[in-house]
Amino acid sequence: MDIELCYFNFSDPPSIKEASVSIAKSWIGQTVTLKCMSDGVPTPRLTWYKPDGSQINSVIDTQSTVNVKMNVDQYFGFYKCIAHNRLAVDFKIVKIQQISMSFL
């Protein structure tokens, strides 16, 4: 009796399940936490980008959490989390709106 071995190569494009911000409205000097959760096989690379397009960090994982200190006006706006593996790319955008301390 011959035994045949079968190998399956399972691949799944990345899909961002959640992209969130700890505080949607912030002010100069406050620290905001960004969180991105994804899945995919192979494990995707998750990369966060600031509103000006500069990269914050990049990890190969299913979750990426970063803290951003809102030091200047240019840090407010749209942050993008991109998940990619060899199959595809997915992304989500979160917004951090600037508020004045005089409203607090």
C-alpha atoms as a PDB file:
ATOM      1  CA  MET A   1       0.000   0.000   0.000  1.00  0.00           C
ATOM      2  CA  ASP A   2       1.345   3.397  -1.016  1.00  0.00           C
ATOM      3  CA  ILE A   3       0.879   6.360   1.263  1.00  0.00           C
ATOM      4  CA  GLU A   4       0.653   9.759  -0.323  1.00  0.00           C
ATOM      5  CA  LEU A   5       1.339  12.895   1.633  1.00  0.00           C
ATOM      6  CA  CYS A   6      -0.623  15.982   0.828  1.00  0.00           C
ATOM      7  CA  TYR A   7       0.535  19.438   1.748  1.00  0.00           C
ATOM      8  CA  PHE A   8      -1.763  22.400   1.715  1.00  0.00           C
ATOM      9  CA  ASN A   9      -0.433  25.885   1.272  1.00  0.00           C
ATOM     10  CA  PHE A  10      -3.093  28.044   2.890  1.00  0.00           C
ATOM     11  CA  SER A  11      -2.936  31.744   2.066  1.00  0.00           C
ATOM     12  CA  ASP A  12      -5.315  34.519   2.996  1.00  0.00           C
ATOM     13  CA  PRO A  13      -5.052  38.189   2.041  1.00  0.00           C
ATOM     14  CA  PRO A  14      -4.827  40.653   4.931  1.00  0.00           C
ATOM     15  CA  SER A  15      -7.984  42.215   6.271  1.00  0.00           C
ATOM     16  CA  ILE A  16      -8.002  44.975   8.879  1.00  0.00           C
ATOM     17  CA  LYS A  17     -10.586  44.083  11.505  1.00  0.00           C
ATOM     18  CA  GLU A  18     -10.197  47.259  13.565  1.00  0.00           C
ATOM     19  CA  ALA A  19      -8.414  50.582  13.388  1.00  0.00           C
ATOM     20  CA  SER A  20      -9.115  52.813  16.344  1.00  0.00           C
ATOM     21  CA  VAL A  21      -7.918  55.817  18.261  1.00  0.00           C
ATOM     22  CA  SER A  22      -8.130  56.185  22.051  1.00  0.00           C
ATOM     23  CA  ILE A  23      -9.351  59.794  21.801  1.00  0.00           C
ATOM     24  CA  ALA A  24     -10.859  61.203  18.599  1.00  0.00           C
ATOM     25  CA  LYS A  25     -10.543  64.817  19.799  1.00  0.00           C
ATOM     26  CA  SER A  26      -7.300  65.916  21.398  1.00  0.00           C
ATOM     27  CA  TRP A  27      -5.120  68.938  22.098  1.00  0.00           C
ATOM     28  CA  ILE A  28      -1.453  69.876  21.906  1.00  0.00           C
ATOM     29  CA  GLY A  29       0.553  67.943  24.495  1.00  0.00           C
ATOM     30  CA  GLN A  30      -1.823  64.989  24.894  1.00  0.00           C
ATOM     31  CA  THR A  31      -0.786  61.431  23.987  1.00  0.00           C
ATOM     32  CA  VAL A  32      -3.138  59.431  21.768  1.00  0.00           C
ATOM     33  CA  THR A  33      -3.019  55.643  21.270  1.00  0.00           C
ATOM     34  CA  LEU A  34      -3.615  54.170  17.809  1.00  0.00           C
ATOM     35  CA  LYS A  35      -4.546  50.495  17.462  1.00  0.00           C
ATOM     36  CA  CYS A  36      -4.759  48.356  14.331  1.00  0.00           C
ATOM     37  CA  MET A  37      -5.840  44.700  14.271  1.00  0.00           C
ATOM     38  CA  SER A  38      -5.674  42.484  11.199  1.00  0.00           C
ATOM     39  CA  ASP A  39      -5.521  38.900  10.032  1.00  0.00           C
ATOM     40  CA  GLY A  40      -4.056  37.146   7.028  1.00  0.00           C
ATOM     41  CA  VAL A  41      -1.707  34.316   6.043  1.00  0.00           C
ATOM     42  CA  PRO A  42       1.157  34.906   5.866  1.00  0.00           C
ATOM     43  CA  THR A  43       1.020  37.295   8.817  1.00  0.00           C
ATOM     44  CA  PRO A  44       0.724  40.820   7.436  1.00  0.00           C
ATOM     45  CA  ARG A  45       3.033  43.776   7.943  1.00  0.00           C
ATOM     46  CA  LEU A  46       1.102  46.528   9.740  1.00  0.00           C
ATOM     47  CA  THR A  47       2.342  50.073   9.175  1.00  0.00           C
ATOM     48  CA  TRP A  48       1.010  53.313  10.684  1.00  0.00           C
ATOM     49  CA  TYR A  49       1.394  56.626   8.846  1.00  0.00           C
ATOM     50  CA  LYS A  50       0.986  60.204  10.121  1.00  0.00           C
ATOM     51  CA  PRO A  51      -1.210  62.753   8.321  1.00  0.00           C
ATOM     52  CA  ASP A  52       1.865  64.062   6.442  1.00  0.00           C
ATOM     53  CA  GLY A  53       2.540  60.555   5.074  1.00  0.00           C
ATOM     54  CA  SER A  54       5.581  59.811   7.235  1.00  0.00           C
ATOM     55  CA  GLN A  55       5.803  56.348   8.746  1.00  0.00           C
ATOM     56  CA  ILE A  56       5.367  55.914  12.496  1.00  0.00           C
ATOM     57  CA  ASN A  57       6.165  52.204  12.825  1.00  0.00           C
ATOM     58  CA  SER A  58       5.957  48.882  11.009  1.00  0.00           C
ATOM     59  CA  VAL A  59       5.605  45.376  12.470  1.00  0.00           C
ATOM     60  CA  ILE A  60       4.887  41.894  11.160  1.00  0.00           C
ATOM     61  CA  ASP A  61       2.045  40.947  13.450  1.00  0.00           C
ATOM     62  CA  THR A  62      -1.736  40.824  13.696  1.00  0.00           C
ATOM     63  CA  GLN A  63      -1.817  43.850  15.999  1.00  0.00           C
ATOM     64  CA  SER A  64      -0.013  47.178  16.129  1.00  0.00           C
ATOM     65  CA  THR A  65      -0.407  49.720  18.932  1.00  0.00           C
ATOM     66  CA  VAL A  66       1.434  53.042  18.919  1.00  0.00           C
ATOM     67  CA  ASN A  67       1.369  56.128  21.115  1.00  0.00           C
ATOM     68  CA  VAL A  68       1.587  59.537  19.457  1.00  0.00           C
ATOM     69  CA  LYS A  69       2.236  62.676  21.466  1.00  0.00           C
ATOM     70  CA  MET A  70       0.333  65.469  19.783  1.00  0.00           C
ATOM     71  CA  ASN A  71       3.184  68.003  19.877  1.00  0.00           C
ATOM     72  CA  VAL A  72       2.342  70.153  16.852  1.00  0.00           C
ATOM     73  CA  ASP A  73      -0.703  71.129  14.792  1.00  0.00           C
ATOM     74  CA  GLN A  74       0.493  68.930  11.889  1.00  0.00           C
ATOM     75  CA  TYR A  75       0.007  65.779  14.018  1.00  0.00           C
ATOM     76  CA  PHE A  76      -3.770  66.247  13.864  1.00  0.00           C
ATOM     77  CA  GLY A  77      -5.681  64.795  10.944  1.00  0.00           C
ATOM     78  CA  PHE A  78      -5.960  61.405   9.263  1.00  0.00           C
ATOM     79  CA  TYR A  79      -3.770  58.462  10.346  1.00  0.00           C
ATOM     80  CA  LYS A  80      -3.577  55.406   8.109  1.00  0.00           C
ATOM     81  CA  CYS A  81      -2.948  51.776   9.047  1.00  0.00           C
ATOM     82  CA  ILE A  82      -1.884  49.599   6.125  1.00  0.00           C
ATOM     83  CA  ALA A  83      -1.822  45.786   6.287  1.00  0.00           C
ATOM     84  CA  HIS A  84      -0.028  43.924   3.530  1.00  0.00           C
ATOM     85  CA  ASN A  85       1.349  40.505   2.754  1.00  0.00           C
ATOM     86  CA  ARG A  86       2.395  38.937  -0.539  1.00  0.00           C
ATOM     87  CA  LEU A  87      -1.255  38.554  -1.560  1.00  0.00           C
ATOM     88  CA  ALA A  88      -2.837  41.968  -1.106  1.00  0.00           C
ATOM     89  CA  VAL A  89      -3.093  45.260   0.775  1.00  0.00           C
ATOM     90  CA  ASP A  90      -5.831  46.602   3.033  1.00  0.00           C
ATOM     91  CA  PHE A  91      -6.009  49.879   4.928  1.00  0.00           C
ATOM     92  CA  LYS A  92      -8.151  51.858   7.334  1.00  0.00           C
ATOM     93  CA  ILE A  93      -8.047  55.523   8.290  1.00  0.00           C
ATOM     94  CA  VAL A  94      -8.752  57.141  11.661  1.00  0.00           C
ATOM     95  CA  LYS A  95      -9.040  60.843  12.384  1.00  0.00           C
ATOM     96  CA  ILE A  96      -7.722  62.842  15.318  1.00  0.00           C
ATOM     97  CA  GLN A  97      -9.356  66.247  15.536  1.00  0.00           C
ATOM     98  CA  GLN A  98      -7.636  69.134  17.303  1.00  0.00           C
ATOM     99  CA  ILE A  99      -9.525  70.980  20.006  1.00  0.00           C
ATOM    100  CA  SER A 100      -8.505  74.075  21.904  1.00  0.00           C
ATOM    101  CA  MET A 101      -7.690  73.857  25.595  1.00  0.00           C
ATOM    102  CA  SER A 102     -10.047  76.818  26.093  1.00  0.00           C
ATOM    103  CA  PHE A 103     -12.996  74.445  25.475  1.00  0.00           C
ATOM    104  CA  LEU A 104     -12.023  72.144  28.323  1.00  0.00           C
END
